[in-house]
Each structure stands twice: as structure tokens, then as C-alpha cells.
Amino acid sequence: MFDRVLVLGAHTDDVELMCGGTLVKLKELGAEIYYSTFSFADKSLPKGFPEGTTRDEVYKAGSVLGIGPLNFHLFDYEVRVFPSHRQEILEDLVRLRKRINPNLVITHNSADTHQDHKTISEESFRAFKQSATIWGYESFKNNRSFDNDLFVALNQTHIDTKLKAISKYNSQLIKYDNRDAVVSLAKYRGSQINHEYAECFEVMRVII
């Protein structure tokens, strides 16, 4: 059903953490995956990591997920101030829509409380609401609530590949290692559908 998938994240590593397993599965099913994030979050880098560190890490992580370098569309907005750049972000998203024409967009969910995540969720819905199915991925740190409308069943290989992609973000693992939480959440969501693992999504728009 979905052969052109655009996945969106406010910051580098958001995508891998929240829906990396699903991207691996979609790739296996023949989808072309396009990847776009909007901040390298240089101001949030731990001491000792030079500016631009996550620029290298994001390509390494994407390669693990099977995303080629030509399918990256990366922007460099300042971290934590996305609400003041809503219009520019919307215009970037509209350009991506025209360039890629995806039939599935995966983005931050509508209940995410992080200001950057919330902006990407809202502006991506505005940009793609008339042209693509839109899923919002689960954030285990930033959701007060979450509409788990859709489950993607995953296996051990999908989770192992996701963890390998996350491990490429050495600068982030030093700040907080979320790999245990990632596995625990995937097991919990899998148990809800009688499967080994799963990732959950809010269904924000369906076009068939």
C-alpha cells in the first residue's frame, strides 16, 4: 500500500528511537524511505563533542536502516525554538511534499509535549493532510496520553536493527541510553497484539 514513505523528526535520533523497527519492516516490504529531520541540536551536545557530530551520526544510523544518502533531507533549525519558525518549517515541508510525493508520512504524534516535536507534528499535518496517510509515532518520554490506533508487528531482527541504528548516536547515548526502554516498550506493545514486538502509532489521516 505504501511505496513512498517520508519519515519526519524534529531532531536527529527521534526517528530511530520511535519508529526504527517499522522503517526496517517497510523497507523489507519494498517501500522507498525518505528521511527528514529539522535540527542537529548542536547546542544540546554533551561536552567534548564538536559541532556537527550528529550530522555524521544520522547518516550512519540511516545506513543501518537501509536509507541511502540521497534520501536524506536535513535542516538546521535551532533546537527548542521551533514554534517561532512555524511558517518556515511548513514551507520546507511543502517543498518536500512536492519533491517526494509520499503516500505515507510518519511524524511526531499530536499529543507530544516537546515544543519542537509538537511543531513538527502540527505543521506536517498541515502540509500533507490532503495528499498522504499520516501516522504519529509514540514518544515514551513526552506523551501525557497516546492514541494507540495502529500496531506494526515486529520480530527480533527488526528490533536488533533498530538498536544497531540507535547505537550510532554515541553523543546521545552518553547523555541517556534509551535502549532498555525501547525494548521494553516494544515488548509491551507486542504483548497487546499477541506478538513478540510491536511499535504503535496514532492514525492522524488515512487516504486509501
C-alpha atoms as a PDB file:
ATOM      1  CA  MET A   1       0.000   0.000   0.000  1.00  0.00           C
ATOM      2  CA  PHE A   2       2.827   2.429   0.859  1.00  0.00           C
ATOM      3  CA  ASP A   3       5.728   2.603  -1.563  1.00  0.00           C
ATOM      4  CA  ARG A   4       6.976   6.159  -0.887  1.00  0.00           C
ATOM      5  CA  VAL A   5       7.408   6.828   2.822  1.00  0.00           C
ATOM      6  CA  LEU A   6       8.606  10.103   4.328  1.00  0.00           C
ATOM      7  CA  VAL A   7       9.612   9.933   7.979  1.00  0.00           C
ATOM      8  CA  LEU A   8       9.979  13.204   9.899  1.00  0.00           C
ATOM      9  CA  GLY A   9      11.766  14.042  13.125  1.00  0.00           C
ATOM     10  CA  ALA A  10      12.393  17.290  14.944  1.00  0.00           C
ATOM     11  CA  HIS A  11      15.905  16.208  15.922  1.00  0.00           C
ATOM     12  CA  THR A  12      18.401  13.641  14.776  1.00  0.00           C
ATOM     13  CA  ASP A  13      17.757  10.320  16.614  1.00  0.00           C
ATOM     14  CA  ASP A  14      13.998  10.942  17.127  1.00  0.00           C
ATOM     15  CA  VAL A  15      13.151   8.753  14.140  1.00  0.00           C
ATOM     16  CA  GLU A  16      15.356   5.803  15.082  1.00  0.00           C
ATOM     17  CA  LEU A  17      14.141   5.790  18.685  1.00  0.00           C
ATOM     18  CA  MET A  18      10.448   5.985  17.929  1.00  0.00           C
ATOM     19  CA  CYS A  19       9.899   4.031  14.718  1.00  0.00           C
ATOM     20  CA  GLY A  20      13.167   2.453  13.577  1.00  0.00           C
ATOM     21  CA  GLY A  21      11.736  -1.067  13.587  1.00  0.00           C
ATOM     22  CA  THR A  22       8.786  -0.056  11.438  1.00  0.00           C
ATOM     23  CA  LEU A  23      11.112   1.559   8.894  1.00  0.00           C
ATOM     24  CA  VAL A  24      13.079  -1.684   8.627  1.00  0.00           C
ATOM     25  CA  LYS A  25       9.850  -3.609   8.034  1.00  0.00           C
ATOM     26  CA  LEU A  26       8.551  -1.124   5.455  1.00  0.00           C
ATOM     27  CA  LYS A  27      11.882  -1.345   3.643  1.00  0.00           C
ATOM     28  CA  GLU A  28      11.570  -5.154   3.584  1.00  0.00           C
ATOM     29  CA  LEU A  29       8.116  -4.767   2.059  1.00  0.00           C
ATOM     30  CA  GLY A  30       9.543  -2.712  -0.806  1.00  0.00           C
ATOM     31  CA  ALA A  31       8.963   0.868   0.307  1.00  0.00           C
ATOM     32  CA  GLU A  32      11.334   3.670  -0.617  1.00  0.00           C
ATOM     33  CA  ILE A  33      12.151   5.512   2.613  1.00  0.00           C
ATOM     34  CA  TYR A  34      12.897   9.244   2.725  1.00  0.00           C
ATOM     35  CA  TYR A  35      14.238  10.765   5.943  1.00  0.00           C
ATOM     36  CA  SER A  36      13.999  14.362   7.116  1.00  0.00           C
ATOM     37  CA  THR A  37      14.940  15.985  10.431  1.00  0.00           C
ATOM     38  CA  PHE A  38      14.930  19.658  11.315  1.00  0.00           C
ATOM     39  CA  SER A  39      17.700  20.202  13.874  1.00  0.00           C
ATOM     40  CA  PHE A  40      21.148  18.769  14.559  1.00  0.00           C
ATOM     41  CA  ALA A  41      20.720  20.027  18.139  1.00  0.00           C
ATOM     42  CA  ASP A  42      24.312  21.232  18.362  1.00  0.00           C
ATOM     43  CA  LYS A  43      23.501  23.289  21.457  1.00  0.00           C
ATOM     44  CA  SER A  44      22.471  20.117  23.265  1.00  0.00           C
ATOM     45  CA  LEU A  45      25.626  18.139  22.538  1.00  0.00           C
ATOM     46  CA  PRO A  46      27.473  16.830  25.620  1.00  0.00           C
ATOM     47  CA  LYS A  47      30.802  18.381  26.500  1.00  0.00           C
ATOM     48  CA  GLY A  48      33.618  17.075  24.341  1.00  0.00           C
ATOM     49  CA  PHE A  49      31.590  16.515  21.170  1.00  0.00           C
ATOM     50  CA  PRO A  50      32.288  19.006  18.364  1.00  0.00           C
ATOM     51  CA  GLU A  51      29.578  20.879  16.495  1.00  0.00           C
ATOM     52  CA  GLY A  52      28.316  18.750  13.646  1.00  0.00           C
ATOM     53  CA  THR A  53      28.644  15.428  15.463  1.00  0.00           C
ATOM     54  CA  THR A  54      25.065  14.371  14.817  1.00  0.00           C
ATOM     55  CA  ARG A  55      25.429  15.215  11.115  1.00  0.00           C
ATOM     56  CA  ASP A  56      27.761  12.231  10.824  1.00  0.00           C
ATOM     57  CA  GLU A  57      25.778  10.048  13.209  1.00  0.00           C
ATOM     58  CA  VAL A  58      22.475  10.459  11.372  1.00  0.00           C
ATOM     59  CA  TYR A  59      23.885   9.128   8.088  1.00  0.00           C
ATOM     60  CA  LYS A  60      25.439   6.150   9.876  1.00  0.00           C
ATOM     61  CA  ALA A  61      22.170   5.345  11.621  1.00  0.00           C
ATOM     62  CA  GLY A  62      20.190   5.742   8.417  1.00  0.00           C
ATOM     63  CA  SER A  63      22.520   3.409   6.582  1.00  0.00           C
ATOM     64  CA  VAL A  64      21.785   0.708   9.166  1.00  0.00           C
ATOM     65  CA  LEU A  65      18.062   1.151   8.451  1.00  0.00           C
ATOM     66  CA  GLY A  66      18.702   0.844   4.707  1.00  0.00           C
ATOM     67  CA  ILE A  67      18.220   4.526   3.853  1.00  0.00           C
ATOM     68  CA  GLY A  68      20.591   5.783   1.165  1.00  0.00           C
ATOM     69  CA  PRO A  69      22.352   9.159   1.464  1.00  0.00           C
ATOM     70  CA  LEU A  70      20.360  10.683  -1.409  1.00  0.00           C
ATOM     71  CA  ASN A  71      17.128  10.083   0.512  1.00  0.00           C
ATOM     72  CA  PHE A  72      18.098  12.405   3.372  1.00  0.00           C
ATOM     73  CA  HIS A  73      16.676  15.928   3.559  1.00  0.00           C
ATOM     74  CA  LEU A  74      18.159  17.581   6.640  1.00  0.00           C
ATOM     75  CA  PHE A  75      17.511  21.058   8.029  1.00  0.00           C
ATOM     76  CA  ASP A  76      19.367  23.028  10.689  1.00  0.00           C
ATOM     77  CA  TYR A  77      16.884  24.939  12.832  1.00  0.00           C
ATOM     78  CA  GLU A  78      17.968  25.893  16.333  1.00  0.00           C
ATOM     79  CA  VAL A  79      16.847  23.366  18.920  1.00  0.00           C
ATOM     80  CA  ARG A  80      13.934  24.162  21.293  1.00  0.00           C
ATOM     81  CA  VAL A  81      12.646  27.222  19.400  1.00  0.00           C
ATOM     82  CA  PHE A  82      10.665  25.593  16.570  1.00  0.00           C
ATOM     83  CA  PRO A  83       7.381  27.391  17.433  1.00  0.00           C
ATOM     84  CA  SER A  84       8.935  30.681  16.332  1.00  0.00           C
ATOM     85  CA  HIS A  85       9.769  29.147  12.919  1.00  0.00           C
ATOM     86  CA  ARG A  86       6.445  27.504  12.163  1.00  0.00           C
ATOM     87  CA  GLN A  87       5.943  29.130   8.766  1.00  0.00           C
ATOM     88  CA  GLU A  88       9.449  28.379   7.524  1.00  0.00           C
ATOM     89  CA  ILE A  89       9.098  24.768   8.646  1.00  0.00           C
ATOM     90  CA  LEU A  90       5.744  24.473   6.892  1.00  0.00           C
ATOM     91  CA  GLU A  91       7.268  25.823   3.688  1.00  0.00           C
ATOM     92  CA  ASP A  92      10.105  23.281   3.919  1.00  0.00           C
ATOM     93  CA  LEU A  93       7.537  20.512   4.362  1.00  0.00           C
ATOM     94  CA  VAL A  94       5.523  21.687   1.379  1.00  0.00           C
ATOM     95  CA  ARG A  95       8.689  21.595  -0.726  1.00  0.00           C
ATOM     96  CA  LEU A  96       9.305  18.026   0.460  1.00  0.00           C
ATOM     97  CA  ARG A  97       5.742  17.105  -0.475  1.00  0.00           C
ATOM     98  CA  LYS A  98       6.237  18.410  -3.995  1.00  0.00           C
ATOM     99  CA  ARG A  99       9.651  16.774  -4.381  1.00  0.00           C
ATOM    100  CA  ILE A 100       8.909  13.355  -2.873  1.00  0.00           C
ATOM    101  CA  ASN A 101       5.116  12.979  -3.162  1.00  0.00           C
ATOM    102  CA  PRO A 102       4.927  10.371  -0.374  1.00  0.00           C
ATOM    103  CA  ASN A 103       1.828   8.264   0.181  1.00  0.00           C
ATOM    104  CA  LEU A 104       2.749   7.663   3.845  1.00  0.00           C
ATOM    105  CA  VAL A 105       4.145  10.292   6.226  1.00  0.00           C
ATOM    106  CA  ILE A 106       5.365   9.225   9.686  1.00  0.00           C
ATOM    107  CA  THR A 107       5.801  12.074  12.139  1.00  0.00           C
ATOM    108  CA  HIS A 108       5.583  13.069  15.812  1.00  0.00           C
ATOM    109  CA  ASN A 109       2.160  12.342  17.312  1.00  0.00           C
ATOM    110  CA  SER A 110      -0.326  15.100  18.108  1.00  0.00           C
ATOM    111  CA  ALA A 111      -0.082  14.685  21.917  1.00  0.00           C
ATOM    112  CA  ASP A 112       3.710  15.088  22.147  1.00  0.00           C
ATOM    113  CA  THR A 113       4.505  17.841  24.666  1.00  0.00           C
ATOM    114  CA  HIS A 114       8.022  18.763  23.484  1.00  0.00           C
ATOM    115  CA  GLN A 115       7.744  22.131  21.762  1.00  0.00           C
ATOM    116  CA  ASP A 116       9.840  21.120  18.748  1.00  0.00           C
ATOM    117  CA  HIS A 117       8.086  17.773  18.358  1.00  0.00           C
ATOM    118  CA  LYS A 118       4.676  19.435  18.640  1.00  0.00           C
ATOM    119  CA  THR A 119       5.530  21.939  15.920  1.00  0.00           C
ATOM    120  CA  ILE A 120       6.654  19.224  13.504  1.00  0.00           C
ATOM    121  CA  SER A 121       3.503  17.208  14.200  1.00  0.00           C
ATOM    122  CA  GLU A 122       1.188  20.149  13.575  1.00  0.00           C
ATOM    123  CA  GLU A 123       2.973  21.519  10.513  1.00  0.00           C
ATOM    124  CA  SER A 124       3.403  18.107   8.896  1.00  0.00           C
ATOM    125  CA  PHE A 125      -0.345  17.529   9.223  1.00  0.00           C
ATOM    126  CA  ARG A 126      -0.979  20.888   7.588  1.00  0.00           C
ATOM    127  CA  ALA A 127       1.433  20.090   4.762  1.00  0.00           C
ATOM    128  CA  PHE A 128       0.298  16.526   3.971  1.00  0.00           C
ATOM    129  CA  LYS A 129      -3.337  16.273   5.112  1.00  0.00           C
ATOM    130  CA  GLN A 130      -4.687  16.287   1.552  1.00  0.00           C
ATOM    131  CA  SER A 131      -2.096  14.044  -0.052  1.00  0.00           C
ATOM    132  CA  ALA A 132      -0.898  11.251   2.256  1.00  0.00           C
ATOM    133  CA  THR A 133      -1.767   8.869   5.031  1.00  0.00           C
ATOM    134  CA  ILE A 134      -0.195  10.219   8.231  1.00  0.00           C
ATOM    135  CA  TRP A 135       0.925   8.231  11.285  1.00  0.00           C
ATOM    136  CA  GLY A 136       2.197   9.747  14.526  1.00  0.00           C
ATOM    137  CA  TYR A 137       4.803   7.654  16.357  1.00  0.00           C
ATOM    138  CA  GLU A 138       4.812   7.080  20.097  1.00  0.00           C
ATOM    139  CA  SER A 139       7.147   9.079  22.350  1.00  0.00           C
ATOM    140  CA  PHE A 140       7.832   7.284  25.618  1.00  0.00           C
ATOM    141  CA  LYS A 141       9.139  10.447  27.303  1.00  0.00           C
ATOM    142  CA  ASN A 142       6.926  13.243  26.027  1.00  0.00           C
ATOM    143  CA  ASN A 143       3.371  11.902  25.857  1.00  0.00           C
ATOM    144  CA  ARG A 144       0.795  12.703  28.523  1.00  0.00           C
ATOM    145  CA  SER A 145      -1.561  10.453  26.578  1.00  0.00           C
ATOM    146  CA  PHE A 146      -1.361   8.493  23.345  1.00  0.00           C
ATOM    147  CA  ASP A 147      -3.946   7.113  20.925  1.00  0.00           C
ATOM    148  CA  ASN A 148      -2.502   3.721  20.040  1.00  0.00           C
ATOM    149  CA  ASP A 149      -4.642   3.286  16.949  1.00  0.00           C
ATOM    150  CA  LEU A 150      -2.256   1.214  14.844  1.00  0.00           C
ATOM    151  CA  PHE A 151       0.199  -1.561  15.719  1.00  0.00           C
ATOM    152  CA  VAL A 152       3.068  -2.667  13.475  1.00  0.00           C
ATOM    153  CA  ALA A 153       4.113  -6.211  14.412  1.00  0.00           C
ATOM    154  CA  LEU A 154       7.885  -6.630  14.537  1.00  0.00           C
ATOM    155  CA  ASN A 155      10.325  -9.502  15.006  1.00  0.00           C
ATOM    156  CA  GLN A 156      13.723  -9.835  16.686  1.00  0.00           C
ATOM    157  CA  THR A 157      15.618  -8.815  13.538  1.00  0.00           C
ATOM    158  CA  HIS A 158      13.643  -5.579  13.271  1.00  0.00           C
ATOM    159  CA  ILE A 159      14.416  -4.708  16.901  1.00  0.00           C
ATOM    160  CA  ASP A 160      18.082  -5.687  16.631  1.00  0.00           C
ATOM    161  CA  THR A 161      18.476  -3.484  13.559  1.00  0.00           C
ATOM    162  CA  LYS A 162      16.733  -0.608  15.327  1.00  0.00           C
ATOM    163  CA  LEU A 163      19.086  -0.928  18.313  1.00  0.00           C
ATOM    164  CA  LYS A 164      22.096  -1.017  16.000  1.00  0.00           C
ATOM    165  CA  ALA A 165      20.917   2.228  14.379  1.00  0.00           C
ATOM    166  CA  ILE A 166      20.416   3.883  17.776  1.00  0.00           C
ATOM    167  CA  SER A 167      23.930   2.829  18.805  1.00  0.00           C
ATOM    168  CA  LYS A 168      25.387   5.052  16.053  1.00  0.00           C
ATOM    169  CA  TYR A 169      24.356   8.093  18.129  1.00  0.00           C
ATOM    170  CA  ASN A 170      27.247   7.881  20.563  1.00  0.00           C
ATOM    171  CA  SER A 171      26.803  11.540  21.519  1.00  0.00           C
ATOM    172  CA  GLN A 172      23.249  10.842  22.667  1.00  0.00           C
ATOM    173  CA  LEU A 173      23.901   7.529  24.418  1.00  0.00           C
ATOM    174  CA  ILE A 174      26.359   9.285  26.707  1.00  0.00           C
ATOM    175  CA  LYS A 175      23.561  11.646  27.814  1.00  0.00           C
ATOM    176  CA  TYR A 176      20.856   8.989  28.128  1.00  0.00           C
ATOM    177  CA  ASP A 177      20.809   5.386  26.973  1.00  0.00           C
ATOM    178  CA  ASN A 178      17.225   4.592  25.946  1.00  0.00           C
ATOM    179  CA  ARG A 179      17.851   1.121  24.547  1.00  0.00           C
ATOM    180  CA  ASP A 180      16.335  -0.733  27.518  1.00  0.00           C
ATOM    181  CA  ALA A 181      13.240   1.462  27.334  1.00  0.00           C
ATOM    182  CA  VAL A 182      12.977   0.854  23.588  1.00  0.00           C
ATOM    183  CA  VAL A 183      12.993  -2.921  24.022  1.00  0.00           C
ATOM    184  CA  SER A 184      10.599  -2.844  26.982  1.00  0.00           C
ATOM    185  CA  LEU A 185       8.084  -0.675  25.140  1.00  0.00           C
ATOM    186  CA  ALA A 186       8.285  -2.857  22.019  1.00  0.00           C
ATOM    187  CA  LYS A 187       7.671  -5.980  24.124  1.00  0.00           C
ATOM    188  CA  TYR A 188       4.722  -4.352  25.877  1.00  0.00           C
ATOM    189  CA  ARG A 189       3.143  -3.205  22.628  1.00  0.00           C
ATOM    190  CA  GLY A 190       3.779  -6.645  21.141  1.00  0.00           C
ATOM    191  CA  SER A 191       2.016  -8.304  24.065  1.00  0.00           C
ATOM    192  CA  GLN A 192      -1.103  -6.278  23.290  1.00  0.00           C
ATOM    193  CA  ILE A 193      -1.406  -7.945  19.900  1.00  0.00           C
ATOM    194  CA  ASN A 194      -0.049 -11.378  20.876  1.00  0.00           C
ATOM    195  CA  HIS A 195       3.228 -10.781  19.047  1.00  0.00           C
ATOM    196  CA  GLU A 196       6.868 -10.710  20.053  1.00  0.00           C
ATOM    197  CA  TYR A 197       7.350  -6.971  19.479  1.00  0.00           C
ATOM    198  CA  ALA A 198       5.459  -4.028  18.016  1.00  0.00           C
ATOM    199  CA  GLU A 199       5.580  -0.277  17.509  1.00  0.00           C
ATOM    200  CA  CYS A 200       2.478   1.848  17.964  1.00  0.00           C
ATOM    201  CA  PHE A 201       1.144   4.816  16.010  1.00  0.00           C
ATOM    202  CA  GLU A 202      -1.599   7.380  16.182  1.00  0.00           C
ATOM    203  CA  VAL A 203      -3.548   7.422  12.921  1.00  0.00           C
ATOM    204  CA  MET A 204      -3.763  11.092  12.011  1.00  0.00           C
ATOM    205  CA  ARG A 205      -5.048  10.672   8.437  1.00  0.00           C
ATOM    206  CA  VAL A 206      -5.893   7.709   6.212  1.00  0.00           C
ATOM    207  CA  ILE A 207      -6.128   8.003   2.432  1.00  0.00           C
ATOM    208  CA  ILE A 208      -6.966   4.819   0.517  1.00  0.00           C
END
